[in-house]
């Protein structure tokens, strides 16, 4: 991480940009990291900024994110603002010589993302992107097994994601499409666990909620992946589920397979007659609580140790290219090679 050194690894000044629900989740994690001191929380809504400062135990709050970035006591900027603002805030932080942790995506456009990747390479500053599933204990264990060769040559990947409730229309109109907003997590896992993808074929439709049609989007989709290493993959995605937040994955190798499935939330099952009953996870905050905490803890551990934090901007760019390829495949009704997706 050329060009970056912490002033005092035991006292790291942080600015948090954004104070919404996700930001407050991250603020609670930051408040529990001994080495972190949140200097300032910035949000354009005054009440949110004030509340965020309370949650993060910050020294002050601000309505101006650039004021927060340029505070001389700030060494690290945590970006949890609306997606359309990520790139501008990341760029300002890197140009100010600050390390960055940002929620995904960097941007919805490949060109805008590439600009940040180029700036990151130029500055050599630490910059990590919040693909939190990599830090979930189940996926992390799967990665360990795959890297250790326990599965043998990887043959197939299958990911299955169903949200409990679809987002509102206003969100859908500005989210860049469900391949970029939702499927992107499974696409990142495909790269993380198996490797780079050569070609995709995507099918999608609106089966239950006309708001997706209004947004020129879909609520149910299936993606076929052909990996460069010869493996194949399937990603199934839906924007609603009446039985809980349903997230699963499986990687099969020549010797063994690993399955990631945290369907049961509480480790207690009621047996009554011939029936079994247990609870399920309600949403992504619920299911990935540990992952949200660990991704930030790992980021600061890497900063203190002088390691390059991951996943980084290049991961964000490659996963965005995958999501764009899926969108193009669906709209054009054809397979799309990743080599085609350059802008």
C-alpha atoms as a PDB file:
ATOM      1  CA  UNK A   1       0.000   0.000   0.000  1.00  0.00           C
ATOM      2  CA  UNK A   2       2.512   2.549  -1.221  1.00  0.00           C
ATOM      3  CA  UNK A   3       1.736   6.101  -0.208  1.00  0.00           C
ATOM      4  CA  UNK A   4      -0.272   5.272   2.902  1.00  0.00           C
ATOM      5  CA  UNK A   5       0.729   4.855   6.534  1.00  0.00           C
ATOM      6  CA  UNK A   6      -1.410   5.251   9.623  1.00  0.00           C
ATOM      7  CA  UNK A   7      -0.348   8.025  11.990  1.00  0.00           C
ATOM      8  CA  UNK A   8      -1.215   5.885  15.002  1.00  0.00           C
ATOM      9  CA  UNK A   9      -2.508   2.308  14.489  1.00  0.00           C
ATOM     10  CA  UNK A  10      -4.148   2.504  17.912  1.00  0.00           C
ATOM     11  CA  UNK A  11      -6.204   5.588  17.039  1.00  0.00           C
ATOM     12  CA  UNK A  12      -7.523   5.705  13.460  1.00  0.00           C
ATOM     13  CA  UNK A  13      -9.653   8.730  12.591  1.00  0.00           C
ATOM     14  CA  UNK A  14     -12.697   7.835  10.465  1.00  0.00           C
ATOM     15  CA  UNK A  15     -15.322   9.813   8.569  1.00  0.00           C
ATOM     16  CA  UNK A  16     -18.622   8.057   7.789  1.00  0.00           C
ATOM     17  CA  UNK A  17     -20.490   9.394   4.770  1.00  0.00           C
ATOM     18  CA  UNK A  18     -24.196   8.572   4.925  1.00  0.00           C
ATOM     19  CA  UNK A  19     -26.354   7.897   7.964  1.00  0.00           C
ATOM     20  CA  UNK A  20     -29.141   5.641   6.748  1.00  0.00           C
ATOM     21  CA  UNK A  21     -30.034   2.148   7.953  1.00  0.00           C
ATOM     22  CA  UNK A  22     -27.011   0.446   6.370  1.00  0.00           C
ATOM     23  CA  UNK A  23     -24.688   3.190   7.553  1.00  0.00           C
ATOM     24  CA  UNK A  24     -25.920   2.804  11.117  1.00  0.00           C
ATOM     25  CA  UNK A  25     -25.193  -0.936  10.931  1.00  0.00           C
ATOM     26  CA  UNK A  26     -21.608  -0.092   9.998  1.00  0.00           C
ATOM     27  CA  UNK A  27     -21.412   2.643  12.633  1.00  0.00           C
ATOM     28  CA  UNK A  28     -22.235   0.153  15.368  1.00  0.00           C
ATOM     29  CA  UNK A  29     -19.396  -2.054  14.114  1.00  0.00           C
ATOM     30  CA  UNK A  30     -16.982   0.893  14.009  1.00  0.00           C
ATOM     31  CA  UNK A  31     -17.937   1.863  17.545  1.00  0.00           C
ATOM     32  CA  UNK A  32     -16.851  -1.611  18.657  1.00  0.00           C
ATOM     33  CA  UNK A  33     -13.386  -1.535  17.035  1.00  0.00           C
ATOM     34  CA  UNK A  34     -10.893  -0.356  19.656  1.00  0.00           C
ATOM     35  CA  UNK A  35      -8.518   1.300  17.188  1.00  0.00           C
ATOM     36  CA  UNK A  36     -11.241   3.326  15.450  1.00  0.00           C
ATOM     37  CA  UNK A  37     -12.360   6.812  16.408  1.00  0.00           C
ATOM     38  CA  UNK A  38     -15.223   8.184  14.313  1.00  0.00           C
ATOM     39  CA  UNK A  39     -14.383  11.850  13.903  1.00  0.00           C
ATOM     40  CA  UNK A  40     -17.383  12.945  11.858  1.00  0.00           C
ATOM     41  CA  UNK A  41     -20.607  11.608  10.329  1.00  0.00           C
ATOM     42  CA  UNK A  42     -21.904  13.409   7.235  1.00  0.00           C
ATOM     43  CA  UNK A  43     -25.383  13.253   5.743  1.00  0.00           C
ATOM     44  CA  UNK A  44     -27.402  15.759   3.729  1.00  0.00           C
ATOM     45  CA  UNK A  45     -30.335  15.320   6.126  1.00  0.00           C
ATOM     46  CA  UNK A  46     -29.562  17.085   9.395  1.00  0.00           C
ATOM     47  CA  UNK A  47     -31.597  14.780  11.638  1.00  0.00           C
ATOM     48  CA  UNK A  48     -29.918  11.726  10.090  1.00  0.00           C
ATOM     49  CA  UNK A  49     -26.456  13.243  10.528  1.00  0.00           C
ATOM     50  CA  UNK A  50     -27.150  14.035  14.172  1.00  0.00           C
ATOM     51  CA  UNK A  51     -28.533  10.561  14.843  1.00  0.00           C
ATOM     52  CA  UNK A  52     -25.575   8.963  13.048  1.00  0.00           C
ATOM     53  CA  UNK A  53     -23.109  10.895  15.178  1.00  0.00           C
ATOM     54  CA  UNK A  54     -24.839   9.558  18.280  1.00  0.00           C
ATOM     55  CA  UNK A  55     -24.758   5.956  17.041  1.00  0.00           C
ATOM     56  CA  UNK A  56     -21.103   6.176  16.027  1.00  0.00           C
ATOM     57  CA  UNK A  57     -20.038   8.161  19.112  1.00  0.00           C
ATOM     58  CA  UNK A  58     -18.589  10.684  16.671  1.00  0.00           C
ATOM     59  CA  UNK A  59     -17.026  13.969  17.657  1.00  0.00           C
ATOM     60  CA  UNK A  60     -19.238  15.936  15.307  1.00  0.00           C
ATOM     61  CA  UNK A  61     -21.683  15.753  12.397  1.00  0.00           C
ATOM     62  CA  UNK A  62     -21.791  17.577   9.076  1.00  0.00           C
ATOM     63  CA  UNK A  63     -24.131  18.202   6.145  1.00  0.00           C
ATOM     64  CA  UNK A  64     -21.171  18.301   3.752  1.00  0.00           C
ATOM     65  CA  UNK A  65     -19.418  15.005   2.859  1.00  0.00           C
ATOM     66  CA  UNK A  66     -16.434  16.818   1.348  1.00  0.00           C
ATOM     67  CA  UNK A  67     -15.957  18.739   4.584  1.00  0.00           C
ATOM     68  CA  UNK A  68     -15.839  15.392   6.378  1.00  0.00           C
ATOM     69  CA  UNK A  69     -13.395  13.895   3.872  1.00  0.00           C
ATOM     70  CA  UNK A  70     -10.994  16.802   4.227  1.00  0.00           C
ATOM     71  CA  UNK A  71     -10.982  16.901   8.028  1.00  0.00           C
ATOM     72  CA  UNK A  72      -7.257  16.656   8.911  1.00  0.00           C
ATOM     73  CA  UNK A  73      -8.037  14.188  11.716  1.00  0.00           C
ATOM     74  CA  UNK A  74      -9.602  11.742   9.235  1.00  0.00           C
ATOM     75  CA  UNK A  75      -7.413   8.992   7.746  1.00  0.00           C
ATOM     76  CA  UNK A  76     -10.141   6.620   6.574  1.00  0.00           C
ATOM     77  CA  UNK A  77     -13.416   7.386   4.788  1.00  0.00           C
ATOM     78  CA  UNK A  78     -16.324   4.931   4.990  1.00  0.00           C
ATOM     79  CA  UNK A  79     -18.770   5.539   2.128  1.00  0.00           C
ATOM     80  CA  UNK A  80     -22.397   4.510   2.694  1.00  0.00           C
ATOM     81  CA  UNK A  81     -24.112   7.239   0.690  1.00  0.00           C
ATOM     82  CA  UNK A  82     -26.646   6.622  -2.120  1.00  0.00           C
ATOM     83  CA  UNK A  83     -25.168   4.628  -5.002  1.00  0.00           C
ATOM     84  CA  UNK A  84     -25.160   7.570  -7.408  1.00  0.00           C
ATOM     85  CA  UNK A  85     -22.759   9.432  -5.072  1.00  0.00           C
ATOM     86  CA  UNK A  86     -20.245   6.652  -4.380  1.00  0.00           C
ATOM     87  CA  UNK A  87     -17.802   7.417  -7.197  1.00  0.00           C
ATOM     88  CA  UNK A  88     -17.589  11.149  -6.415  1.00  0.00           C
ATOM     89  CA  UNK A  89     -16.997  10.488  -2.728  1.00  0.00           C
ATOM     90  CA  UNK A  90     -14.423   7.755  -3.352  1.00  0.00           C
ATOM     91  CA  UNK A  91     -12.572   9.980  -5.815  1.00  0.00           C
ATOM     92  CA  UNK A  92     -12.507  12.903  -3.373  1.00  0.00           C
ATOM     93  CA  UNK A  93     -11.219  10.657  -0.583  1.00  0.00           C
ATOM     94  CA  UNK A  94      -8.455   9.118  -2.683  1.00  0.00           C
ATOM     95  CA  UNK A  95      -7.367  12.538  -3.971  1.00  0.00           C
ATOM     96  CA  UNK A  96      -7.229  13.710  -0.348  1.00  0.00           C
ATOM     97  CA  UNK A  97      -4.866  10.834   0.484  1.00  0.00           C
ATOM     98  CA  UNK A  98      -7.408   8.906   2.576  1.00  0.00           C
ATOM     99  CA  UNK A  99      -7.988   5.149   2.719  1.00  0.00           C
ATOM    100  CA  UNK A 100     -11.496   4.117   1.630  1.00  0.00           C
ATOM    101  CA  UNK A 101     -14.004   1.452   2.500  1.00  0.00           C
ATOM    102  CA  UNK A 102     -17.153   1.711   0.371  1.00  0.00           C
ATOM    103  CA  UNK A 103     -20.435  -0.070  -0.007  1.00  0.00           C
ATOM    104  CA  UNK A 104     -20.927  -1.663  -3.410  1.00  0.00           C
ATOM    105  CA  UNK A 105     -21.074  -0.647  -6.162  1.00  0.00           C
ATOM    106  CA  UNK A 106     -18.397   1.902  -6.925  1.00  0.00           C
ATOM    107  CA  UNK A 107     -20.660   3.072  -9.742  1.00  0.00           C
ATOM    108  CA  UNK A 108     -23.356   1.688 -12.034  1.00  0.00           C
ATOM    109  CA  UNK A 109     -21.382   2.466 -15.197  1.00  0.00           C
ATOM    110  CA  UNK A 110     -18.210   0.686 -16.295  1.00  0.00           C
ATOM    111  CA  UNK A 111     -16.520   3.917 -17.386  1.00  0.00           C
ATOM    112  CA  UNK A 112     -17.097   5.578 -14.015  1.00  0.00           C
ATOM    113  CA  UNK A 113     -15.853   2.478 -12.208  1.00  0.00           C
ATOM    114  CA  UNK A 114     -12.776   2.262 -14.425  1.00  0.00           C
ATOM    115  CA  UNK A 115     -11.889   5.871 -13.531  1.00  0.00           C
ATOM    116  CA  UNK A 116     -11.843   4.952  -9.845  1.00  0.00           C
ATOM    117  CA  UNK A 117      -9.778   1.832 -10.536  1.00  0.00           C
ATOM    118  CA  UNK A 118      -7.255   3.935 -12.446  1.00  0.00           C
ATOM    119  CA  UNK A 119      -7.085   6.533  -9.650  1.00  0.00           C
ATOM    120  CA  UNK A 120      -6.705   3.794  -7.026  1.00  0.00           C
ATOM    121  CA  UNK A 121      -3.804   2.273  -8.970  1.00  0.00           C
ATOM    122  CA  UNK A 122      -2.221   5.700  -9.336  1.00  0.00           C
ATOM    123  CA  UNK A 123      -2.459   6.603  -5.653  1.00  0.00           C
ATOM    124  CA  UNK A 124      -1.669   3.177  -4.201  1.00  0.00           C
ATOM    125  CA  UNK A 125      -4.111   3.908  -1.370  1.00  0.00           C
ATOM    126  CA  UNK A 126      -6.111   1.177   0.391  1.00  0.00           C
ATOM    127  CA  UNK A 127      -9.631   0.853  -1.009  1.00  0.00           C
ATOM    128  CA  UNK A 128     -12.051  -1.991  -0.278  1.00  0.00           C
ATOM    129  CA  UNK A 129     -15.578  -2.662  -1.546  1.00  0.00           C
ATOM    130  CA  UNK A 130     -18.373  -4.144   0.552  1.00  0.00           C
ATOM    131  CA  UNK A 131     -19.135  -7.517  -0.980  1.00  0.00           C
ATOM    132  CA  UNK A 132     -19.964  -8.776   2.496  1.00  0.00           C
ATOM    133  CA  UNK A 133     -20.824 -12.386   1.626  1.00  0.00           C
ATOM    134  CA  UNK A 134     -17.107 -13.109   1.269  1.00  0.00           C
ATOM    135  CA  UNK A 135     -16.877 -12.570   5.037  1.00  0.00           C
ATOM    136  CA  UNK A 136     -19.815 -14.797   5.956  1.00  0.00           C
ATOM    137  CA  UNK A 137     -18.416 -17.827   7.866  1.00  0.00           C
ATOM    138  CA  UNK A 138     -20.030 -20.292   5.443  1.00  0.00           C
ATOM    139  CA  UNK A 139     -18.647 -18.739   2.267  1.00  0.00           C
ATOM    140  CA  UNK A 140     -15.284 -18.094   3.923  1.00  0.00           C
ATOM    141  CA  UNK A 141     -15.065 -21.775   4.874  1.00  0.00           C
ATOM    142  CA  UNK A 142     -16.002 -22.820   1.341  1.00  0.00           C
ATOM    143  CA  UNK A 143     -13.190 -20.632  -0.011  1.00  0.00           C
ATOM    144  CA  UNK A 144     -10.689 -22.249   2.387  1.00  0.00           C
ATOM    145  CA  UNK A 145     -11.709 -25.746   1.257  1.00  0.00           C
ATOM    146  CA  UNK A 146     -11.537 -24.853  -2.426  1.00  0.00           C
ATOM    147  CA  UNK A 147      -8.131 -23.172  -2.106  1.00  0.00           C
ATOM    148  CA  UNK A 148      -6.804 -26.173  -0.154  1.00  0.00           C
ATOM    149  CA  UNK A 149      -7.846 -28.504  -2.984  1.00  0.00           C
ATOM    150  CA  UNK A 150     -10.315 -30.417  -0.796  1.00  0.00           C
ATOM    151  CA  UNK A 151     -12.969 -30.394  -3.524  1.00  0.00           C
ATOM    152  CA  UNK A 152     -10.634 -31.325  -6.345  1.00  0.00           C
ATOM    153  CA  UNK A 153     -11.104 -29.727  -9.741  1.00  0.00           C
ATOM    154  CA  UNK A 154     -14.187 -27.492  -9.593  1.00  0.00           C
ATOM    155  CA  UNK A 155     -16.958 -28.654 -11.898  1.00  0.00           C
ATOM    156  CA  UNK A 156     -20.040 -26.604 -11.034  1.00  0.00           C
ATOM    157  CA  UNK A 157     -21.365 -23.658  -9.035  1.00  0.00           C
ATOM    158  CA  UNK A 158     -24.993 -23.059  -8.076  1.00  0.00           C
ATOM    159  CA  UNK A 159     -26.290 -19.997  -6.216  1.00  0.00           C
ATOM    160  CA  UNK A 160     -29.879 -19.340  -5.203  1.00  0.00           C
ATOM    161  CA  UNK A 161     -31.134 -16.036  -3.790  1.00  0.00           C
ATOM    162  CA  UNK A 162     -34.652 -14.926  -2.907  1.00  0.00           C
ATOM    163  CA  UNK A 163     -35.437 -11.636  -1.161  1.00  0.00           C
ATOM    164  CA  UNK A 164     -38.406 -11.563   1.206  1.00  0.00           C
ATOM    165  CA  UNK A 165     -39.957  -8.341  -0.107  1.00  0.00           C
ATOM    166  CA  UNK A 166     -39.285  -6.381  -3.309  1.00  0.00           C
ATOM    167  CA  UNK A 167     -37.996  -2.808  -2.983  1.00  0.00           C
ATOM    168  CA  UNK A 168     -40.272   0.171  -3.720  1.00  0.00           C
ATOM    169  CA  UNK A 169     -40.729   1.487  -7.258  1.00  0.00           C
ATOM    170  CA  UNK A 170     -38.725   4.654  -6.539  1.00  0.00           C
ATOM    171  CA  UNK A 171     -35.708   2.499  -5.676  1.00  0.00           C
ATOM    172  CA  UNK A 172     -36.151   0.271  -8.744  1.00  0.00           C
ATOM    173  CA  UNK A 173     -36.199   3.278 -11.051  1.00  0.00           C
ATOM    174  CA  UNK A 174     -32.689   4.311  -9.933  1.00  0.00           C
ATOM    175  CA  UNK A 175     -31.013   1.007  -8.972  1.00  0.00           C
ATOM    176  CA  UNK A 176     -29.544   0.166 -12.371  1.00  0.00           C
ATOM    177  CA  UNK A 177     -31.494  -3.089 -12.706  1.00  0.00           C
ATOM    178  CA  UNK A 178     -31.736  -6.210 -10.576  1.00  0.00           C
ATOM    179  CA  UNK A 179     -28.686  -7.874 -12.131  1.00  0.00           C
ATOM    180  CA  UNK A 180     -26.618  -4.944 -10.819  1.00  0.00           C
ATOM    181  CA  UNK A 181     -28.503  -4.525  -7.553  1.00  0.00           C
ATOM    182  CA  UNK A 182     -29.183  -8.090  -6.409  1.00  0.00           C
ATOM    183  CA  UNK A 183     -27.585 -10.768  -8.628  1.00  0.00           C
ATOM    184  CA  UNK A 184     -24.250  -8.975  -8.306  1.00  0.00           C
ATOM    185  CA  UNK A 185     -23.674 -10.615  -4.898  1.00  0.00           C
ATOM    186  CA  UNK A 186     -23.924 -14.113  -6.373  1.00  0.00           C
ATOM    187  CA  UNK A 187     -21.832 -13.059  -9.366  1.00  0.00           C
ATOM    188  CA  UNK A 188     -19.119 -11.836  -7.002  1.00  0.00           C
ATOM    189  CA  UNK A 189     -19.266 -15.172  -5.182  1.00  0.00           C
ATOM    190  CA  UNK A 190     -18.911 -17.006  -8.489  1.00  0.00           C
ATOM    191  CA  UNK A 191     -15.643 -15.166  -9.130  1.00  0.00           C
ATOM    192  CA  UNK A 192     -14.518 -15.494  -5.505  1.00  0.00           C
ATOM    193  CA  UNK A 193     -15.119 -19.230  -5.226  1.00  0.00           C
ATOM    194  CA  UNK A 194     -14.616 -20.555  -8.767  1.00  0.00           C
ATOM    195  CA  UNK A 195     -12.805 -17.988 -10.928  1.00  0.00           C
ATOM    196  CA  UNK A 196     -13.319 -15.624 -13.826  1.00  0.00           C
ATOM    197  CA  UNK A 197     -16.307 -16.086 -16.122  1.00  0.00           C
ATOM    198  CA  UNK A 198     -15.979 -16.301 -19.891  1.00  0.00           C
ATOM    199  CA  UNK A 199     -19.615 -16.187 -21.030  1.00  0.00           C
ATOM    200  CA  UNK A 200     -23.110 -15.672 -19.615  1.00  0.00           C
ATOM    201  CA  UNK A 201     -26.641 -16.368 -20.742  1.00  0.00           C
ATOM    202  CA  UNK A 202     -29.441 -14.755 -18.754  1.00  0.00           C
ATOM    203  CA  UNK A 203     -33.194 -15.100 -18.780  1.00  0.00           C
ATOM    204  CA  UNK A 204     -35.518 -12.899 -16.765  1.00  0.00           C
ATOM    205  CA  UNK A 205     -39.197 -12.069 -16.450  1.00  0.00           C
ATOM    206  CA  UNK A 206     -41.762 -10.269 -14.323  1.00  0.00           C
ATOM    207  CA  UNK A 207     -43.913 -12.968 -12.756  1.00  0.00           C
ATOM    208  CA  UNK A 208     -45.522 -11.362  -9.705  1.00  0.00           C
ATOM    209  CA  UNK A 209     -44.974  -7.589  -9.382  1.00  0.00           C
ATOM    210  CA  UNK A 210     -45.799  -5.098 -12.136  1.00  0.00           C
ATOM    211  CA  UNK A 211     -43.573  -2.447 -10.548  1.00  0.00           C
ATOM    212  CA  UNK A 212     -40.601  -4.237 -12.102  1.00  0.00           C
ATOM    213  CA  UNK A 213     -42.174  -3.910 -15.536  1.00  0.00           C
ATOM    214  CA  UNK A 214     -42.647  -0.184 -14.904  1.00  0.00           C
ATOM    215  CA  UNK A 215     -38.934   0.043 -14.092  1.00  0.00           C
ATOM    216  CA  UNK A 216     -37.982  -2.008 -17.186  1.00  0.00           C
ATOM    217  CA  UNK A 217     -36.633  -4.601 -14.774  1.00  0.00           C
ATOM    218  CA  UNK A 218     -37.436  -8.162 -13.696  1.00  0.00           C
ATOM    219  CA  UNK A 219     -38.455  -9.978 -10.520  1.00  0.00           C
ATOM    220  CA  UNK A 220     -37.300 -13.525 -11.408  1.00  0.00           C
ATOM    221  CA  UNK A 221     -34.173 -14.570 -13.301  1.00  0.00           C
ATOM    222  CA  UNK A 222     -31.816 -17.421 -14.129  1.00  0.00           C
ATOM    223  CA  UNK A 223     -28.210 -17.043 -15.284  1.00  0.00           C
ATOM    224  CA  UNK A 224     -25.931 -19.629 -16.881  1.00  0.00           C
ATOM    225  CA  UNK A 225     -22.191 -19.096 -16.389  1.00  0.00           C
ATOM    226  CA  UNK A 226     -19.304 -20.605 -18.314  1.00  0.00           C
ATOM    227  CA  UNK A 227     -16.061 -20.182 -16.384  1.00  0.00           C
ATOM    228  CA  UNK A 228     -12.638 -19.825 -17.995  1.00  0.00           C
ATOM    229  CA  UNK A 229     -11.445 -22.907 -16.098  1.00  0.00           C
ATOM    230  CA  UNK A 230     -14.130 -25.067 -17.740  1.00  0.00           C
ATOM    231  CA  UNK A 231     -16.611 -25.168 -14.867  1.00  0.00           C
ATOM    232  CA  UNK A 232     -20.281 -24.273 -15.282  1.00  0.00           C
ATOM    233  CA  UNK A 233     -22.577 -22.258 -13.037  1.00  0.00           C
ATOM    234  CA  UNK A 234     -26.224 -21.412 -12.430  1.00  0.00           C
ATOM    235  CA  UNK A 235     -27.520 -18.394 -10.522  1.00  0.00           C
ATOM    236  CA  UNK A 236     -31.233 -18.229  -9.704  1.00  0.00           C
ATOM    237  CA  UNK A 237     -32.661 -14.993  -8.323  1.00  0.00           C
ATOM    238  CA  UNK A 238     -36.105 -13.788  -7.247  1.00  0.00           C
ATOM    239  CA  UNK A 239     -37.236 -10.579  -5.581  1.00  0.00           C
ATOM    240  CA  UNK A 240     -39.763 -12.088  -3.176  1.00  0.00           C
ATOM    241  CA  UNK A 241     -40.212 -15.076  -0.885  1.00  0.00           C
ATOM    242  CA  UNK A 242     -43.108 -15.908   1.417  1.00  0.00           C
ATOM    243  CA  UNK A 243     -40.975 -18.320   3.463  1.00  0.00           C
ATOM    244  CA  UNK A 244     -38.089 -16.075   4.504  1.00  0.00           C
ATOM    245  CA  UNK A 245     -34.794 -14.772   3.198  1.00  0.00           C
ATOM    246  CA  UNK A 246     -33.566 -17.718   1.139  1.00  0.00           C
ATOM    247  CA  UNK A 247     -29.847 -17.640   0.255  1.00  0.00           C
ATOM    248  CA  UNK A 248     -27.940 -20.809  -0.690  1.00  0.00           C
ATOM    249  CA  UNK A 249     -24.939 -21.909  -2.722  1.00  0.00           C
ATOM    250  CA  UNK A 250     -23.177 -25.107  -3.721  1.00  0.00           C
ATOM    251  CA  UNK A 251     -19.795 -25.774  -5.281  1.00  0.00           C
ATOM    252  CA  UNK A 252     -19.102 -29.252  -6.646  1.00  0.00           C
ATOM    253  CA  UNK A 253     -15.668 -30.656  -7.377  1.00  0.00           C
ATOM    254  CA  UNK A 254     -14.259 -33.909  -8.681  1.00  0.00           C
ATOM    255  CA  UNK A 255     -13.724 -35.169  -5.095  1.00  0.00           C
ATOM    256  CA  UNK A 256     -16.211 -33.367  -2.828  1.00  0.00           C
ATOM    257  CA  UNK A 257     -18.783 -30.617  -2.697  1.00  0.00           C
ATOM    258  CA  UNK A 258     -19.487 -27.796  -0.253  1.00  0.00           C
ATOM    259  CA  UNK A 259     -22.941 -26.381   0.445  1.00  0.00           C
ATOM    260  CA  UNK A 260     -23.624 -23.013   2.111  1.00  0.00           C
ATOM    261  CA  UNK A 261     -27.128 -22.846   3.552  1.00  0.00           C
ATOM    262  CA  UNK A 262     -28.078 -20.930   6.702  1.00  0.00           C
ATOM    263  CA  UNK A 263     -31.793 -21.571   6.440  1.00  0.00           C
ATOM    264  CA  UNK A 264     -32.415 -22.100  10.168  1.00  0.00           C
ATOM    265  CA  UNK A 265     -31.820 -19.002  12.294  1.00  0.00           C
ATOM    266  CA  UNK A 266     -32.264 -20.199  15.875  1.00  0.00           C
ATOM    267  CA  UNK A 267     -30.625 -23.552  16.746  1.00  0.00           C
ATOM    268  CA  UNK A 268     -33.848 -24.883  18.232  1.00  0.00           C
ATOM    269  CA  UNK A 269     -36.324 -27.168  16.496  1.00  0.00           C
ATOM    270  CA  UNK A 270     -39.762 -28.026  17.855  1.00  0.00           C
ATOM    271  CA  UNK A 271     -40.984 -31.556  17.244  1.00  0.00           C
ATOM    272  CA  UNK A 272     -44.761 -31.965  17.428  1.00  0.00           C
ATOM    273  CA  UNK A 273     -46.308 -35.177  16.259  1.00  0.00           C
ATOM    274  CA  UNK A 274     -44.848 -35.842  12.826  1.00  0.00           C
ATOM    275  CA  UNK A 275     -43.925 -32.194  12.227  1.00  0.00           C
ATOM    276  CA  UNK A 276     -40.731 -30.209  12.762  1.00  0.00           C
ATOM    277  CA  UNK A 277     -40.777 -26.433  13.216  1.00  0.00           C
ATOM    278  CA  UNK A 278     -37.988 -23.847  13.318  1.00  0.00           C
ATOM    279  CA  UNK A 279     -37.515 -20.212  12.340  1.00  0.00           C
ATOM    280  CA  UNK A 280     -35.813 -18.699   9.260  1.00  0.00           C
ATOM    281  CA  UNK A 281     -33.904 -15.497   8.561  1.00  0.00           C
ATOM    282  CA  UNK A 282     -36.047 -12.468   7.804  1.00  0.00           C
ATOM    283  CA  UNK A 283     -33.780 -10.273   5.657  1.00  0.00           C
ATOM    284  CA  UNK A 284     -30.164  -9.607   4.671  1.00  0.00           C
ATOM    285  CA  UNK A 285     -29.392  -7.634   7.850  1.00  0.00           C
ATOM    286  CA  UNK A 286     -30.529 -10.679   9.798  1.00  0.00           C
ATOM    287  CA  UNK A 287     -28.762 -13.341   7.718  1.00  0.00           C
ATOM    288  CA  UNK A 288     -25.469 -11.528   7.166  1.00  0.00           C
ATOM    289  CA  UNK A 289     -25.041  -9.820  10.517  1.00  0.00           C
ATOM    290  CA  UNK A 290     -21.669 -11.502  11.125  1.00  0.00           C
ATOM    291  CA  UNK A 291     -20.473 -10.763   7.577  1.00  0.00           C
ATOM    292  CA  UNK A 292     -21.304  -7.058   7.885  1.00  0.00           C
ATOM    293  CA  UNK A 293     -19.276  -6.904  11.068  1.00  0.00           C
ATOM    294  CA  UNK A 294     -16.349  -8.965   9.830  1.00  0.00           C
ATOM    295  CA  UNK A 295     -15.857  -7.078   6.552  1.00  0.00           C
ATOM    296  CA  UNK A 296     -15.105  -3.845   8.418  1.00  0.00           C
ATOM    297  CA  UNK A 297     -13.092  -5.533  11.163  1.00  0.00           C
ATOM    298  CA  UNK A 298     -10.962  -7.243   8.493  1.00  0.00           C
ATOM    299  CA  UNK A 299     -10.478  -3.954   6.644  1.00  0.00           C
ATOM    300  CA  UNK A 300      -8.991  -2.253   9.709  1.00  0.00           C
ATOM    301  CA  UNK A 301      -6.962  -5.347  10.592  1.00  0.00           C
ATOM    302  CA  UNK A 302      -5.446  -5.174   7.100  1.00  0.00           C
ATOM    303  CA  UNK A 303      -4.733  -1.436   7.429  1.00  0.00           C
ATOM    304  CA  UNK A 304      -2.943  -1.942  10.734  1.00  0.00           C
ATOM    305  CA  UNK A 305      -0.942  -4.889   9.359  1.00  0.00           C
ATOM    306  CA  UNK A 306      -0.055  -3.083   6.116  1.00  0.00           C
ATOM    307  CA  UNK A 307      -1.910  -5.600   3.940  1.00  0.00           C
ATOM    308  CA  UNK A 308      -3.948  -4.730   0.853  1.00  0.00           C
ATOM    309  CA  UNK A 309      -7.629  -5.014   1.857  1.00  0.00           C
ATOM    310  CA  UNK A 310      -9.961  -7.116  -0.282  1.00  0.00           C
ATOM    311  CA  UNK A 311     -12.175  -7.178  -2.221  1.00  0.00           C
ATOM    312  CA  UNK A 312     -10.853  -4.125  -4.027  1.00  0.00           C
ATOM    313  CA  UNK A 313     -11.808  -1.835  -6.922  1.00  0.00           C
ATOM    314  CA  UNK A 314     -10.695  -4.358  -9.540  1.00  0.00           C
ATOM    315  CA  UNK A 315     -13.128  -6.887  -8.051  1.00  0.00           C
ATOM    316  CA  UNK A 316     -15.883  -4.281  -8.223  1.00  0.00           C
ATOM    317  CA  UNK A 317     -15.097  -3.615 -11.881  1.00  0.00           C
ATOM    318  CA  UNK A 318     -15.021  -7.274 -12.924  1.00  0.00           C
ATOM    319  CA  UNK A 319     -18.227  -8.095 -11.062  1.00  0.00           C
ATOM    320  CA  UNK A 320     -19.925  -5.069 -12.625  1.00  0.00           C
ATOM    321  CA  UNK A 321     -18.837  -6.309 -16.062  1.00  0.00           C
ATOM    322  CA  UNK A 322     -20.505  -9.629 -15.246  1.00  0.00           C
ATOM    323  CA  UNK A 323     -23.745  -7.911 -14.212  1.00  0.00           C
ATOM    324  CA  UNK A 324     -23.704  -5.764 -17.357  1.00  0.00           C
ATOM    325  CA  UNK A 325     -23.144  -8.894 -19.464  1.00  0.00           C
ATOM    326  CA  UNK A 326     -26.168 -10.521 -17.820  1.00  0.00           C
ATOM    327  CA  UNK A 327     -28.305  -7.446 -18.479  1.00  0.00           C
ATOM    328  CA  UNK A 328     -27.183  -7.358 -22.105  1.00  0.00           C
ATOM    329  CA  UNK A 329     -27.844 -11.087 -22.523  1.00  0.00           C
ATOM    330  CA  UNK A 330     -31.385 -10.719 -21.188  1.00  0.00           C
ATOM    331  CA  UNK A 331     -32.218  -7.656 -23.263  1.00  0.00           C
ATOM    332  CA  UNK A 332     -30.673  -8.995 -26.470  1.00  0.00           C
ATOM    333  CA  UNK A 333     -31.748 -12.612 -25.920  1.00  0.00           C
ATOM    334  CA  UNK A 334     -28.321 -14.122 -26.605  1.00  0.00           C
ATOM    335  CA  UNK A 335     -25.187 -15.391 -24.884  1.00  0.00           C
ATOM    336  CA  UNK A 336     -22.684 -12.620 -24.104  1.00  0.00           C
ATOM    337  CA  UNK A 337     -18.935 -13.105 -23.773  1.00  0.00           C
ATOM    338  CA  UNK A 338     -17.248 -11.034 -21.076  1.00  0.00           C
ATOM    339  CA  UNK A 339     -14.728  -9.868 -23.658  1.00  0.00           C
ATOM    340  CA  UNK A 340     -17.564  -7.907 -25.296  1.00  0.00           C
ATOM    341  CA  UNK A 341     -18.219  -5.835 -22.170  1.00  0.00           C
ATOM    342  CA  UNK A 342     -15.775  -2.954 -22.261  1.00  0.00           C
ATOM    343  CA  UNK A 343     -18.129  -0.016 -21.690  1.00  0.00           C
END
